[in-house]
Amino acid sequence: MTKETRQKYKLLQENIRELGSVAVAFSSGVDSTFLLKAAHEVLGDKAVAVTARASAFPKRESGEAAAFCEKEGIRQIVYEFDVMSVDGFSQNPPDRCYLCKRALFGNIQRLAAENDLAWVIEGSNMDDNQDYRPGHRAIAELGIKSPLRDAGLTKAEIRELSRELGLPTWDKPSYACLASRFVYGEGITAEKLSMVERSEAYLMEQGFRQMRVRVHGNLARIEVLPEDFERLLDPKLRLGITEKLREYGFSYVSLDLAGFRSGSMNETLS
């Protein structure tokens, strides 16, 4: 590990310590797990995990979040977030993430206040500045702290530090909200969110780790890493995937020849 990375981690700890008490928005992803671990090491019981359960978030993630908090002895607040009731969300405009994050973090702030926690913190890192992230506007408007970004930590550095801390998420693939699988302007429904979740869970069961199932009407566009193309196109596996995704509700199943890339739905935005 480089000296610079260690200095960033020290700065992260110092910044968290100055906050006094925090509610950590915790999804069980790479970044939020690392942030929660760091906050708990510095603040102890004054660092509390807050996890939202919603139809747009994979159920396996909330299960992993609960297991991590139990193992680490971290207090966790779990609340039900009715994302489909957020005004404008189901219409899926380009600023959908802003609408969702504004409601999501507003709720977390309320829970933080009810539990005498001074600040809400979340896990954005420096790499998140390179993509279209309307949710950042909501975070800024609400005064949510982003300690990883403030310390200048990149995704690679967070994975490196996570590995050194013995976190199981150090090499976990990046997953985003299931709503990010929908082309902008296409209506989001609980049924279609479930179709995406089940389809991606099936691909994970087949051994594909970094992938997405994107929704274009009744067509599923599968993104996997280019090195996984050959295996996915094995006749038996290919036909099995097609059959299963049709069973889940898709009429057509396709493979994106450009391969997996995070935020591919933003490619159509000017």
C-alpha atoms as a PDB file:
ATOM      1  CA  MET A   1       0.000   0.000   0.000  1.00  0.00           C
ATOM      2  CA  THR A   2       1.316   3.436  -0.894  1.00  0.00           C
ATOM      3  CA  LYS A   3       2.097   6.125   1.628  1.00  0.00           C
ATOM      4  CA  GLU A   4      -0.491   8.356  -0.058  1.00  0.00           C
ATOM      5  CA  THR A   5      -3.269   5.800   0.453  1.00  0.00           C
ATOM      6  CA  ARG A   6      -2.373   5.450   4.136  1.00  0.00           C
ATOM      7  CA  GLN A   7      -2.435   9.223   4.532  1.00  0.00           C
ATOM      8  CA  LYS A   8      -5.875   9.358   2.940  1.00  0.00           C
ATOM      9  CA  TYR A   9      -7.124   6.703   5.343  1.00  0.00           C
ATOM     10  CA  LYS A  10      -5.747   8.675   8.287  1.00  0.00           C
ATOM     11  CA  LEU A  11      -7.473  11.802   6.978  1.00  0.00           C
ATOM     12  CA  LEU A  12     -10.724   9.840   6.636  1.00  0.00           C
ATOM     13  CA  GLN A  13     -10.493   8.748  10.273  1.00  0.00           C
ATOM     14  CA  GLU A  14      -9.770  12.290  11.432  1.00  0.00           C
ATOM     15  CA  ASN A  15     -12.708  13.701   9.477  1.00  0.00           C
ATOM     16  CA  ILE A  16     -15.087  11.085  10.871  1.00  0.00           C
ATOM     17  CA  ARG A  17     -13.862  11.676  14.420  1.00  0.00           C
ATOM     18  CA  GLU A  18     -14.643  15.391  14.092  1.00  0.00           C
ATOM     19  CA  LEU A  19     -18.275  14.581  13.225  1.00  0.00           C
ATOM     20  CA  GLY A  20     -18.839  13.089  16.689  1.00  0.00           C
ATOM     21  CA  SER A  21     -21.738  10.760  15.814  1.00  0.00           C
ATOM     22  CA  VAL A  22     -23.017   9.501  12.475  1.00  0.00           C
ATOM     23  CA  ALA A  23     -25.741   7.573  10.699  1.00  0.00           C
ATOM     24  CA  VAL A  24     -24.062   5.654   7.887  1.00  0.00           C
ATOM     25  CA  ALA A  25     -26.169   5.028   4.780  1.00  0.00           C
ATOM     26  CA  PHE A  26     -25.344   1.337   4.458  1.00  0.00           C
ATOM     27  CA  SER A  27     -26.192  -0.834   1.460  1.00  0.00           C
ATOM     28  CA  SER A  28     -23.518  -3.567   1.937  1.00  0.00           C
ATOM     29  CA  GLY A  29     -21.666  -2.416  -1.177  1.00  0.00           C
ATOM     30  CA  VAL A  30     -17.883  -1.975  -1.328  1.00  0.00           C
ATOM     31  CA  ASP A  31     -17.879   1.708  -0.416  1.00  0.00           C
ATOM     32  CA  SER A  32     -20.540   1.797   2.290  1.00  0.00           C
ATOM     33  CA  THR A  33     -19.127  -1.302   3.989  1.00  0.00           C
ATOM     34  CA  PHE A  34     -15.665   0.253   4.143  1.00  0.00           C
ATOM     35  CA  LEU A  35     -17.103   3.557   5.371  1.00  0.00           C
ATOM     36  CA  LEU A  36     -19.164   1.854   8.071  1.00  0.00           C
ATOM     37  CA  LYS A  37     -16.146  -0.151   9.254  1.00  0.00           C
ATOM     38  CA  ALA A  38     -14.003   2.979   9.430  1.00  0.00           C
ATOM     39  CA  ALA A  39     -16.717   4.954  11.237  1.00  0.00           C
ATOM     40  CA  HIS A  40     -17.302   2.185  13.769  1.00  0.00           C
ATOM     41  CA  GLU A  41     -13.578   1.865  14.477  1.00  0.00           C
ATOM     42  CA  VAL A  42     -13.361   5.595  15.180  1.00  0.00           C
ATOM     43  CA  LEU A  43     -16.708   6.314  16.872  1.00  0.00           C
ATOM     44  CA  GLY A  44     -17.800   2.941  18.244  1.00  0.00           C
ATOM     45  CA  ASP A  45     -21.496   2.934  19.186  1.00  0.00           C
ATOM     46  CA  LYS A  46     -21.836   6.509  17.934  1.00  0.00           C
ATOM     47  CA  ALA A  47     -21.690   5.101  14.397  1.00  0.00           C
ATOM     48  CA  VAL A  48     -25.011   3.497  13.422  1.00  0.00           C
ATOM     49  CA  ALA A  49     -25.830   1.790  10.129  1.00  0.00           C
ATOM     50  CA  VAL A  50     -29.071   2.759   8.394  1.00  0.00           C
ATOM     51  CA  THR A  51     -30.281   0.391   5.671  1.00  0.00           C
ATOM     52  CA  ALA A  52     -33.281   1.004   3.445  1.00  0.00           C
ATOM     53  CA  ARG A  53     -35.293  -1.888   2.058  1.00  0.00           C
ATOM     54  CA  ALA A  54     -37.028  -1.101  -1.228  1.00  0.00           C
ATOM     55  CA  SER A  55     -38.174  -2.809  -4.405  1.00  0.00           C
ATOM     56  CA  ALA A  56     -35.346  -1.048  -6.270  1.00  0.00           C
ATOM     57  CA  PHE A  57     -32.669  -2.596  -4.038  1.00  0.00           C
ATOM     58  CA  PRO A  58     -31.757  -6.307  -4.365  1.00  0.00           C
ATOM     59  CA  LYS A  59     -32.957  -8.367  -1.406  1.00  0.00           C
ATOM     60  CA  ARG A  60     -29.610 -10.150  -1.201  1.00  0.00           C
ATOM     61  CA  GLU A  61     -27.964  -6.793  -0.430  1.00  0.00           C
ATOM     62  CA  SER A  62     -30.139  -6.121   2.619  1.00  0.00           C
ATOM     63  CA  GLY A  63     -29.444  -9.661   3.826  1.00  0.00           C
ATOM     64  CA  GLU A  64     -25.696  -9.139   3.481  1.00  0.00           C
ATOM     65  CA  ALA A  65     -25.980  -5.786   5.279  1.00  0.00           C
ATOM     66  CA  ALA A  66     -27.728  -7.382   8.262  1.00  0.00           C
ATOM     67  CA  ALA A  67     -25.175 -10.203   8.433  1.00  0.00           C
ATOM     68  CA  PHE A  68     -22.252  -7.765   8.387  1.00  0.00           C
ATOM     69  CA  CYS A  69     -23.672  -5.592  11.174  1.00  0.00           C
ATOM     70  CA  GLU A  70     -24.368  -8.637  13.318  1.00  0.00           C
ATOM     71  CA  LYS A  71     -20.843  -9.974  12.804  1.00  0.00           C
ATOM     72  CA  GLU A  72     -19.225  -6.609  13.557  1.00  0.00           C
ATOM     73  CA  GLY A  73     -21.483  -5.767  16.497  1.00  0.00           C
ATOM     74  CA  ILE A  74     -22.759  -2.603  14.811  1.00  0.00           C
ATOM     75  CA  ARG A  75     -26.195  -1.250  15.568  1.00  0.00           C
ATOM     76  CA  GLN A  76     -28.364  -1.234  12.465  1.00  0.00           C
ATOM     77  CA  ILE A  77     -31.616   0.594  11.752  1.00  0.00           C
ATOM     78  CA  VAL A  78     -33.607  -0.961   8.907  1.00  0.00           C
ATOM     79  CA  TYR A  79     -36.550   0.873   7.404  1.00  0.00           C
ATOM     80  CA  GLU A  80     -38.961   0.255   4.551  1.00  0.00           C
ATOM     81  CA  PHE A  81     -38.604   2.789   1.744  1.00  0.00           C
ATOM     82  CA  ASP A  82     -41.558   2.947  -0.657  1.00  0.00           C
ATOM     83  CA  VAL A  83     -39.573   4.160  -3.643  1.00  0.00           C
ATOM     84  CA  MET A  84     -42.535   3.744  -6.000  1.00  0.00           C
ATOM     85  CA  SER A  85     -44.383   6.473  -4.077  1.00  0.00           C
ATOM     86  CA  VAL A  86     -41.638   9.047  -4.752  1.00  0.00           C
ATOM     87  CA  ASP A  87     -43.143  11.672  -7.031  1.00  0.00           C
ATOM     88  CA  GLY A  88     -41.794  11.268 -10.571  1.00  0.00           C
ATOM     89  CA  PHE A  89     -39.680   8.176  -9.887  1.00  0.00           C
ATOM     90  CA  SER A  90     -41.775   5.679 -11.845  1.00  0.00           C
ATOM     91  CA  GLN A  91     -41.705   7.955 -14.933  1.00  0.00           C
ATOM     92  CA  ASN A  92     -37.913   7.477 -14.939  1.00  0.00           C
ATOM     93  CA  PRO A  93     -36.691  10.933 -16.034  1.00  0.00           C
ATOM     94  CA  PRO A  94     -32.935  11.591 -16.422  1.00  0.00           C
ATOM     95  CA  ASP A  95     -32.884  13.048 -12.889  1.00  0.00           C
ATOM     96  CA  ARG A  96     -34.587   9.962 -11.405  1.00  0.00           C
ATOM     97  CA  CYS A  97     -31.606   9.368  -9.108  1.00  0.00           C
ATOM     98  CA  TYR A  98     -31.977  12.879  -7.701  1.00  0.00           C
ATOM     99  CA  LEU A  99     -35.641  12.302  -6.886  1.00  0.00           C
ATOM    100  CA  CYS A 100     -34.869   8.991  -5.190  1.00  0.00           C
ATOM    101  CA  LYS A 101     -31.826  10.195  -3.245  1.00  0.00           C
ATOM    102  CA  ARG A 102     -33.638  13.303  -2.051  1.00  0.00           C
ATOM    103  CA  ALA A 103     -36.403  11.175  -0.518  1.00  0.00           C
ATOM    104  CA  LEU A 104     -34.072   8.406   0.677  1.00  0.00           C
ATOM    105  CA  PHE A 105     -31.619  10.639   2.483  1.00  0.00           C
ATOM    106  CA  GLY A 106     -34.378  12.849   3.833  1.00  0.00           C
ATOM    107  CA  ASN A 107     -35.705   9.771   5.608  1.00  0.00           C
ATOM    108  CA  ILE A 108     -32.244   8.834   6.871  1.00  0.00           C
ATOM    109  CA  GLN A 109     -31.802  12.350   8.248  1.00  0.00           C
ATOM    110  CA  ARG A 110     -35.082  11.991  10.121  1.00  0.00           C
ATOM    111  CA  LEU A 111     -33.962   8.681  11.613  1.00  0.00           C
ATOM    112  CA  ALA A 112     -30.601  10.190  12.542  1.00  0.00           C
ATOM    113  CA  ALA A 113     -32.313  13.041  14.401  1.00  0.00           C
ATOM    114  CA  GLU A 114     -34.611  10.609  16.209  1.00  0.00           C
ATOM    115  CA  ASN A 115     -31.554   8.688  17.397  1.00  0.00           C
ATOM    116  CA  ASP A 116     -29.479  11.741  18.384  1.00  0.00           C
ATOM    117  CA  LEU A 117     -26.931  11.251  15.606  1.00  0.00           C
ATOM    118  CA  ALA A 118     -25.360  14.508  14.438  1.00  0.00           C
ATOM    119  CA  TRP A 119     -24.619  13.686  10.807  1.00  0.00           C
ATOM    120  CA  VAL A 120     -25.580  11.421   7.941  1.00  0.00           C
ATOM    121  CA  ILE A 121     -22.664  10.116   5.884  1.00  0.00           C
ATOM    122  CA  GLU A 122     -22.610   8.188   2.602  1.00  0.00           C
ATOM    123  CA  GLY A 123     -20.071   6.327   0.478  1.00  0.00           C
ATOM    124  CA  SER A 124     -19.428   8.304  -2.719  1.00  0.00           C
ATOM    125  CA  ASN A 125     -15.778   8.205  -3.784  1.00  0.00           C
ATOM    126  CA  MET A 126     -13.596  10.127  -6.231  1.00  0.00           C
ATOM    127  CA  ASP A 127     -14.430   7.826  -9.154  1.00  0.00           C
ATOM    128  CA  ASP A 128     -18.106   8.797  -8.863  1.00  0.00           C
ATOM    129  CA  ASN A 129     -17.203  12.272 -10.115  1.00  0.00           C
ATOM    130  CA  GLN A 130     -16.498  10.813 -13.571  1.00  0.00           C
ATOM    131  CA  ASP A 131     -20.078   9.749 -14.381  1.00  0.00           C
ATOM    132  CA  TYR A 132     -23.489  11.414 -14.560  1.00  0.00           C
ATOM    133  CA  ARG A 133     -24.624  11.376 -10.920  1.00  0.00           C
ATOM    134  CA  PRO A 134     -27.720  13.542 -10.331  1.00  0.00           C
ATOM    135  CA  GLY A 135     -27.995  12.000  -6.866  1.00  0.00           C
ATOM    136  CA  HIS A 136     -24.982  14.066  -5.810  1.00  0.00           C
ATOM    137  CA  ARG A 137     -27.122  17.192  -6.092  1.00  0.00           C
ATOM    138  CA  ALA A 138     -29.587  15.798  -3.553  1.00  0.00           C
ATOM    139  CA  ILE A 139     -26.751  14.873  -1.203  1.00  0.00           C
ATOM    140  CA  ALA A 140     -25.311  18.381  -1.447  1.00  0.00           C
ATOM    141  CA  GLU A 141     -28.698  20.072  -0.934  1.00  0.00           C
ATOM    142  CA  LEU A 142     -29.397  18.043   2.199  1.00  0.00           C
ATOM    143  CA  GLY A 143     -25.944  18.592   3.685  1.00  0.00           C
ATOM    144  CA  ILE A 144     -25.027  14.903   3.704  1.00  0.00           C
ATOM    145  CA  LYS A 145     -21.325  14.233   4.274  1.00  0.00           C
ATOM    146  CA  SER A 146     -19.232  12.150   1.821  1.00  0.00           C
ATOM    147  CA  PRO A 147     -16.088  11.335   3.846  1.00  0.00           C
ATOM    148  CA  LEU A 148     -14.519   8.997   1.269  1.00  0.00           C
ATOM    149  CA  ARG A 149     -14.653  11.671  -1.416  1.00  0.00           C
ATOM    150  CA  ASP A 150     -13.510  14.361   1.018  1.00  0.00           C
ATOM    151  CA  ALA A 151     -10.434  12.241   1.803  1.00  0.00           C
ATOM    152  CA  GLY A 152      -9.700  11.824  -1.907  1.00  0.00           C
ATOM    153  CA  LEU A 153     -10.133   8.044  -1.899  1.00  0.00           C
ATOM    154  CA  THR A 154     -10.607   6.219  -5.204  1.00  0.00           C
ATOM    155  CA  LYS A 155     -12.422   2.918  -5.719  1.00  0.00           C
ATOM    156  CA  ALA A 156      -9.126   1.073  -6.153  1.00  0.00           C
ATOM    157  CA  GLU A 157      -7.797   2.500  -2.886  1.00  0.00           C
ATOM    158  CA  ILE A 158     -11.015   1.591  -1.060  1.00  0.00           C
ATOM    159  CA  ARG A 159     -10.716  -1.991  -2.301  1.00  0.00           C
ATOM    160  CA  GLU A 160      -7.069  -2.084  -1.230  1.00  0.00           C
ATOM    161  CA  LEU A 161      -7.844  -0.761   2.251  1.00  0.00           C
ATOM    162  CA  SER A 162     -10.853  -3.078   2.536  1.00  0.00           C
ATOM    163  CA  ARG A 163      -8.624  -6.054   1.794  1.00  0.00           C
ATOM    164  CA  GLU A 164      -6.140  -4.960   4.456  1.00  0.00           C
ATOM    165  CA  LEU A 165      -9.001  -4.614   6.959  1.00  0.00           C
ATOM    166  CA  GLY A 166     -10.220  -8.119   6.108  1.00  0.00           C
ATOM    167  CA  LEU A 167     -13.562  -6.958   4.730  1.00  0.00           C
ATOM    168  CA  PRO A 168     -15.405  -9.571   2.628  1.00  0.00           C
ATOM    169  CA  THR A 169     -16.436  -6.864   0.158  1.00  0.00           C
ATOM    170  CA  TRP A 170     -12.911  -5.941  -0.980  1.00  0.00           C
ATOM    171  CA  ASP A 171     -13.410  -7.716  -4.321  1.00  0.00           C
ATOM    172  CA  LYS A 172     -17.204  -7.546  -4.487  1.00  0.00           C
ATOM    173  CA  PRO A 173     -18.519  -6.442  -7.903  1.00  0.00           C
ATOM    174  CA  SER A 174     -20.179  -3.048  -8.062  1.00  0.00           C
ATOM    175  CA  TYR A 175     -23.955  -3.119  -8.108  1.00  0.00           C
ATOM    176  CA  ALA A 176     -26.266  -0.154  -8.453  1.00  0.00           C
ATOM    177  CA  CYS A 177     -29.937   0.458  -7.767  1.00  0.00           C
ATOM    178  CA  LEU A 178     -32.094  -1.777  -9.992  1.00  0.00           C
ATOM    179  CA  ALA A 179     -33.751   1.315 -11.462  1.00  0.00           C
ATOM    180  CA  SER A 180     -30.468   2.075 -13.223  1.00  0.00           C
ATOM    181  CA  ARG A 181     -31.228  -0.870 -15.548  1.00  0.00           C
ATOM    182  CA  PHE A 182     -34.047   1.024 -17.276  1.00  0.00           C
ATOM    183  CA  VAL A 183     -33.565   3.228 -20.316  1.00  0.00           C
ATOM    184  CA  TYR A 184     -34.577   6.786 -19.384  1.00  0.00           C
ATOM    185  CA  GLY A 185     -38.225   7.505 -20.071  1.00  0.00           C
ATOM    186  CA  GLU A 186     -39.329   3.902 -19.729  1.00  0.00           C
ATOM    187  CA  GLY A 187     -41.811   3.455 -16.917  1.00  0.00           C
ATOM    188  CA  ILE A 188     -40.523   1.651 -13.835  1.00  0.00           C
ATOM    189  CA  THR A 189     -42.852  -0.829 -12.136  1.00  0.00           C
ATOM    190  CA  ALA A 190     -42.411  -3.157  -9.185  1.00  0.00           C
ATOM    191  CA  GLU A 191     -42.997  -6.080 -11.551  1.00  0.00           C
ATOM    192  CA  LYS A 192     -40.188  -5.047 -13.895  1.00  0.00           C
ATOM    193  CA  LEU A 193     -37.825  -4.391 -10.983  1.00  0.00           C
ATOM    194  CA  SER A 194     -38.514  -7.942  -9.832  1.00  0.00           C
ATOM    195  CA  MET A 195     -37.815  -9.246 -13.356  1.00  0.00           C
ATOM    196  CA  VAL A 196     -34.411  -7.564 -13.317  1.00  0.00           C
ATOM    197  CA  GLU A 197     -33.567  -8.780  -9.812  1.00  0.00           C
ATOM    198  CA  ARG A 198     -34.486 -12.393 -10.601  1.00  0.00           C
ATOM    199  CA  SER A 199     -32.640 -12.318 -13.932  1.00  0.00           C
ATOM    200  CA  GLU A 200     -29.433 -10.974 -12.408  1.00  0.00           C
ATOM    201  CA  ALA A 201     -29.673 -13.430  -9.516  1.00  0.00           C
ATOM    202  CA  TYR A 202     -29.913 -16.265 -12.046  1.00  0.00           C
ATOM    203  CA  LEU A 203     -26.840 -15.009 -13.917  1.00  0.00           C
ATOM    204  CA  MET A 204     -24.970 -14.816 -10.615  1.00  0.00           C
ATOM    205  CA  GLU A 205     -25.932 -18.429  -9.921  1.00  0.00           C
ATOM    206  CA  GLN A 206     -24.337 -19.317 -13.275  1.00  0.00           C
ATOM    207  CA  GLY A 207     -21.077 -17.738 -12.141  1.00  0.00           C
ATOM    208  CA  PHE A 208     -21.272 -14.294 -13.765  1.00  0.00           C
ATOM    209  CA  ARG A 209     -20.138 -11.728 -11.196  1.00  0.00           C
ATOM    210  CA  GLN A 210     -19.863  -8.384 -12.982  1.00  0.00           C
ATOM    211  CA  MET A 211     -22.952  -8.047 -15.166  1.00  0.00           C
ATOM    212  CA  ARG A 212     -26.194  -6.172 -15.723  1.00  0.00           C
ATOM    213  CA  VAL A 213     -29.601  -6.952 -17.218  1.00  0.00           C
ATOM    214  CA  ARG A 214     -30.826  -3.765 -18.897  1.00  0.00           C
ATOM    215  CA  VAL A 215     -34.493  -3.236 -19.742  1.00  0.00           C
ATOM    216  CA  HIS A 216     -35.747  -1.951 -23.106  1.00  0.00           C
ATOM    217  CA  GLY A 217     -39.478  -2.623 -23.178  1.00  0.00           C
ATOM    218  CA  ASN A 218     -39.858  -6.411 -23.260  1.00  0.00           C
ATOM    219  CA  LEU A 219     -36.222  -6.908 -24.303  1.00  0.00           C
ATOM    220  CA  ALA A 220     -33.468  -7.801 -21.833  1.00  0.00           C
ATOM    221  CA  ARG A 221     -29.998  -6.571 -22.837  1.00  0.00           C
ATOM    222  CA  ILE A 222     -27.356  -8.555 -20.965  1.00  0.00           C
ATOM    223  CA  GLU A 223     -23.999  -6.941 -20.243  1.00  0.00           C
ATOM    224  CA  VAL A 224     -21.141  -9.191 -19.140  1.00  0.00           C
ATOM    225  CA  LEU A 225     -17.385  -8.725 -19.309  1.00  0.00           C
ATOM    226  CA  PRO A 226     -15.974  -9.478 -22.786  1.00  0.00           C
ATOM    227  CA  GLU A 227     -13.930 -12.346 -21.370  1.00  0.00           C
ATOM    228  CA  ASP A 228     -17.230 -13.976 -20.340  1.00  0.00           C
ATOM    229  CA  PHE A 229     -18.759 -13.858 -23.838  1.00  0.00           C
ATOM    230  CA  GLU A 230     -17.558 -17.295 -24.871  1.00  0.00           C
ATOM    231  CA  ARG A 231     -18.941 -18.997 -21.781  1.00  0.00           C
ATOM    232  CA  LEU A 232     -22.296 -17.205 -21.982  1.00  0.00           C
ATOM    233  CA  LEU A 233     -22.620 -18.225 -25.634  1.00  0.00           C
ATOM    234  CA  ASP A 234     -22.097 -21.901 -24.862  1.00  0.00           C
ATOM    235  CA  PRO A 235     -25.229 -23.377 -26.507  1.00  0.00           C
ATOM    236  CA  LYS A 236     -26.570 -25.114 -23.410  1.00  0.00           C
ATOM    237  CA  LEU A 237     -26.002 -22.149 -21.086  1.00  0.00           C
ATOM    238  CA  ARG A 238     -27.227 -19.611 -23.656  1.00  0.00           C
ATOM    239  CA  LEU A 239     -30.479 -21.443 -24.204  1.00  0.00           C
ATOM    240  CA  GLY A 240     -30.928 -21.932 -20.449  1.00  0.00           C
ATOM    241  CA  ILE A 241     -30.504 -18.203 -19.798  1.00  0.00           C
ATOM    242  CA  THR A 242     -32.906 -17.334 -22.609  1.00  0.00           C
ATOM    243  CA  GLU A 243     -35.526 -19.723 -21.307  1.00  0.00           C
ATOM    244  CA  LYS A 244     -35.194 -18.502 -17.728  1.00  0.00           C
ATOM    245  CA  LEU A 245     -35.419 -14.780 -18.588  1.00  0.00           C
ATOM    246  CA  ARG A 246     -38.459 -15.439 -20.752  1.00  0.00           C
ATOM    247  CA  GLU A 247     -39.973 -17.276 -17.812  1.00  0.00           C
ATOM    248  CA  TYR A 248     -39.397 -14.143 -15.718  1.00  0.00           C
ATOM    249  CA  GLY A 249     -41.333 -12.020 -18.234  1.00  0.00           C
ATOM    250  CA  PHE A 250     -38.991 -10.878 -21.018  1.00  0.00           C
ATOM    251  CA  SER A 251     -39.969 -11.640 -24.616  1.00  0.00           C
ATOM    252  CA  TYR A 252     -36.494 -11.134 -26.089  1.00  0.00           C
ATOM    253  CA  VAL A 253     -33.022 -11.713 -24.641  1.00  0.00           C
ATOM    254  CA  SER A 254     -29.902 -10.146 -26.176  1.00  0.00           C
ATOM    255  CA  LEU A 255     -26.177  -9.834 -25.465  1.00  0.00           C
ATOM    256  CA  ASP A 256     -24.557  -6.389 -25.612  1.00  0.00           C
ATOM    257  CA  LEU A 257     -21.409  -6.819 -27.740  1.00  0.00           C
ATOM    258  CA  ALA A 258     -19.816  -3.762 -26.119  1.00  0.00           C
ATOM    259  CA  GLY A 259     -19.701  -5.705 -22.844  1.00  0.00           C
ATOM    260  CA  PHE A 260     -20.292  -4.582 -19.283  1.00  0.00           C
ATOM    261  CA  ARG A 261     -19.757  -0.931 -18.428  1.00  0.00           C
ATOM    262  CA  SER A 262     -21.094   0.917 -15.440  1.00  0.00           C
ATOM    263  CA  GLY A 263     -23.673   3.589 -16.227  1.00  0.00           C
ATOM    264  CA  SER A 264     -24.255   2.496 -19.821  1.00  0.00           C
ATOM    265  CA  MET A 265     -27.756   3.979 -19.764  1.00  0.00           C
ATOM    266  CA  ASN A 266     -26.127   7.418 -19.490  1.00  0.00           C
ATOM    267  CA  GLU A 267     -24.507   7.010 -22.917  1.00  0.00           C
ATOM    268  CA  THR A 268     -27.640   8.393 -24.577  1.00  0.00           C
ATOM    269  CA  LEU A 269     -27.510  11.644 -22.585  1.00  0.00           C
ATOM    270  CA  SER A 270     -25.912  14.680 -24.191  1.00  0.00           C
END
